[in-house]
């Protein structure tokens, strides 16, 4: 499934990398792309949305 999440706190490529690493802790095969300008993170994952959201929030980037 593909998720598009608005992540207001994302500000740079290091933020994007942190988010990607967090998602990969719950789904190592996930594909994560972040657009820093629009603050939208696109995630392709087999895991449920709530698990992905929890993983991102756990590293300080709660998604709206």
N, C-alpha and C. Protein backbone atom coordinates (compact mmCIF):
# COMPACT_ATOMS: atom_id res chain seq x y z
N UNK A 1 0.84 -1.17 0.00
CA UNK A 1 0.00 0.00 0.00
C UNK A 1 0.89 1.24 0.00
N UNK A 2 0.39 2.30 -0.60
CA UNK A 2 1.13 3.54 -0.65
C UNK A 2 0.47 4.56 0.27
N UNK A 3 1.28 5.14 1.14
CA UNK A 3 0.79 6.17 2.06
C UNK A 3 1.43 7.50 1.69
N UNK A 4 0.67 8.56 1.80
CA UNK A 4 1.23 9.90 1.66
C UNK A 4 0.91 10.63 2.95
N UNK A 5 1.95 10.96 3.70
CA UNK A 5 1.76 11.58 5.00
C UNK A 5 2.39 12.96 5.03
N UNK A 6 1.68 13.92 5.61
CA UNK A 6 2.21 15.27 5.79
C UNK A 6 3.00 15.25 7.10
N UNK A 7 4.29 15.63 7.03
CA UNK A 7 5.16 15.62 8.20
C UNK A 7 5.72 17.04 8.37
N UNK A 8 5.03 17.89 9.15
CA UNK A 8 5.39 19.30 9.24
C UNK A 8 6.81 19.57 9.75
N UNK A 9 7.37 18.68 10.55
CA UNK A 9 8.68 18.93 11.15
C UNK A 9 9.85 18.59 10.23
N UNK A 10 9.60 18.00 9.08
CA UNK A 10 10.70 17.64 8.18
C UNK A 10 11.29 18.92 7.59
N UNK A 11 12.62 19.03 7.69
CA UNK A 11 13.26 20.28 7.26
C UNK A 11 14.47 20.07 6.34
N UNK A 12 15.01 18.86 6.32
CA UNK A 12 16.24 18.66 5.54
C UNK A 12 16.38 17.18 5.16
N UNK A 13 17.42 16.89 4.40
CA UNK A 13 17.63 15.50 3.97
C UNK A 13 17.97 14.59 5.15
N UNK A 14 18.59 15.13 6.18
CA UNK A 14 18.88 14.31 7.37
C UNK A 14 17.57 13.90 8.05
N UNK A 15 16.60 14.81 8.08
CA UNK A 15 15.28 14.49 8.62
C UNK A 15 14.65 13.36 7.81
N UNK A 16 14.74 13.48 6.50
CA UNK A 16 14.18 12.47 5.61
C UNK A 16 14.84 11.11 5.86
N UNK A 17 16.14 11.11 6.05
CA UNK A 17 16.86 9.85 6.31
C UNK A 17 16.43 9.24 7.64
N UNK A 18 16.23 10.07 8.65
CA UNK A 18 15.78 9.58 9.95
C UNK A 18 14.40 8.93 9.83
N UNK A 19 13.52 9.58 9.09
CA UNK A 19 12.17 9.04 8.88
C UNK A 19 12.24 7.72 8.12
N UNK A 20 13.06 7.67 7.08
CA UNK A 20 13.20 6.44 6.29
C UNK A 20 13.72 5.30 7.16
N UNK A 21 14.71 5.58 8.00
CA UNK A 21 15.26 4.54 8.87
C UNK A 21 14.20 4.05 9.86
N UNK A 22 13.38 4.97 10.37
CA UNK A 22 12.32 4.59 11.31
C UNK A 22 11.31 3.67 10.65
N UNK A 23 10.92 4.01 9.41
CA UNK A 23 9.96 3.17 8.69
C UNK A 23 10.56 1.80 8.44
N UNK A 24 11.83 1.75 8.10
CA UNK A 24 12.48 0.48 7.79
C UNK A 24 12.65 -0.41 9.02
N UNK A 25 12.50 0.14 10.23
CA UNK A 25 12.54 -0.71 11.42
C UNK A 25 11.29 -1.59 11.50
N UNK A 26 10.16 -1.09 10.97
CA UNK A 26 8.93 -1.90 10.98
C UNK A 26 8.73 -2.66 9.67
N UNK A 27 9.32 -2.15 8.58
CA UNK A 27 9.21 -2.81 7.28
C UNK A 27 10.50 -2.58 6.49
N UNK A 28 11.46 -3.51 6.62
CA UNK A 28 12.76 -3.33 5.94
C UNK A 28 12.66 -3.18 4.43
N UNK A 29 11.57 -3.65 3.83
CA UNK A 29 11.42 -3.57 2.38
C UNK A 29 10.68 -2.31 1.93
N UNK A 30 10.32 -1.45 2.86
CA UNK A 30 9.57 -0.24 2.52
C UNK A 30 10.39 0.69 1.62
N UNK A 31 9.67 1.42 0.77
CA UNK A 31 10.28 2.44 -0.08
C UNK A 31 9.77 3.78 0.44
N UNK A 32 10.72 4.66 0.80
CA UNK A 32 10.36 5.94 1.41
C UNK A 32 10.93 7.08 0.58
N UNK A 33 10.07 8.01 0.19
CA UNK A 33 10.51 9.20 -0.53
C UNK A 33 9.94 10.41 0.19
N UNK A 34 10.79 11.42 0.43
CA UNK A 34 10.34 12.61 1.13
C UNK A 34 10.55 13.84 0.25
N UNK A 35 9.55 14.68 0.21
CA UNK A 35 9.65 15.97 -0.48
C UNK A 35 9.74 17.03 0.61
N UNK A 36 10.93 17.56 0.80
CA UNK A 36 11.17 18.50 1.89
C UNK A 36 10.39 19.80 1.68
N UNK A 37 10.24 20.22 0.44
CA UNK A 37 9.52 21.48 0.16
C UNK A 37 8.05 21.39 0.53
N UNK A 38 7.39 20.29 0.18
CA UNK A 38 5.96 20.15 0.47
C UNK A 38 5.71 19.47 1.81
N UNK A 39 6.78 18.92 2.41
CA UNK A 39 6.71 18.20 3.69
C UNK A 39 5.82 16.96 3.61
N UNK A 40 5.81 16.33 2.43
CA UNK A 40 5.03 15.11 2.23
C UNK A 40 6.00 13.93 2.09
N UNK A 41 5.71 12.88 2.84
CA UNK A 41 6.50 11.66 2.78
C UNK A 41 5.63 10.58 2.14
N UNK A 42 6.13 9.97 1.08
CA UNK A 42 5.42 8.90 0.39
C UNK A 42 6.09 7.59 0.77
N UNK A 43 5.29 6.65 1.24
CA UNK A 43 5.82 5.39 1.75
C UNK A 43 5.07 4.23 1.09
N UNK A 44 5.82 3.30 0.52
CA UNK A 44 5.25 2.06 0.01
C UNK A 44 5.63 0.97 1.00
N UNK A 45 4.61 0.41 1.65
CA UNK A 45 4.86 -0.56 2.71
C UNK A 45 3.71 -1.57 2.78
N UNK A 46 4.03 -2.74 3.28
CA UNK A 46 3.00 -3.75 3.50
C UNK A 46 2.43 -3.64 4.92
N UNK A 47 3.04 -2.83 5.75
CA UNK A 47 2.60 -2.67 7.14
C UNK A 47 1.40 -1.73 7.21
N UNK A 48 0.57 -1.90 8.25
CA UNK A 48 -0.59 -1.01 8.41
C UNK A 48 -0.14 0.44 8.68
N UNK A 49 -0.98 1.38 8.27
CA UNK A 49 -0.67 2.80 8.41
C UNK A 49 -0.35 3.18 9.85
N UNK A 50 -1.09 2.62 10.82
CA UNK A 50 -0.85 3.01 12.21
C UNK A 50 0.55 2.61 12.68
N UNK A 51 1.07 1.48 12.20
CA UNK A 51 2.44 1.07 12.57
C UNK A 51 3.47 2.02 11.98
N UNK A 52 3.25 2.42 10.74
CA UNK A 52 4.17 3.35 10.07
C UNK A 52 4.15 4.69 10.79
N UNK A 53 2.96 5.18 11.12
CA UNK A 53 2.83 6.46 11.82
C UNK A 53 3.53 6.42 13.19
N UNK A 54 3.37 5.31 13.91
CA UNK A 54 4.02 5.16 15.23
C UNK A 54 5.53 5.20 15.08
N UNK A 55 6.05 4.53 14.07
CA UNK A 55 7.50 4.49 13.86
C UNK A 55 8.05 5.89 13.59
N UNK A 56 7.35 6.65 12.76
CA UNK A 56 7.79 8.00 12.43
C UNK A 56 7.69 8.91 13.67
N UNK A 57 6.60 8.80 14.39
CA UNK A 57 6.42 9.62 15.60
C UNK A 57 7.47 9.30 16.65
N UNK A 58 7.91 8.04 16.71
CA UNK A 58 8.87 7.63 17.74
C UNK A 58 10.23 8.28 17.57
N UNK A 59 10.52 8.80 16.37
CA UNK A 59 11.79 9.50 16.14
C UNK A 59 11.59 11.02 16.07
N UNK A 60 10.42 11.48 16.51
CA UNK A 60 10.20 12.92 16.64
C UNK A 60 9.57 13.61 15.46
N UNK A 61 8.96 12.85 14.53
CA UNK A 61 8.35 13.44 13.34
C UNK A 61 6.91 12.96 13.19
N UNK A 62 6.01 13.41 14.07
CA UNK A 62 4.62 12.95 13.95
C UNK A 62 4.00 13.41 12.64
N UNK A 63 3.25 12.52 12.02
CA UNK A 63 2.59 12.81 10.75
C UNK A 63 1.17 13.27 11.02
N UNK A 64 0.69 14.18 10.17
CA UNK A 64 -0.70 14.63 10.30
C UNK A 64 -1.62 13.69 9.55
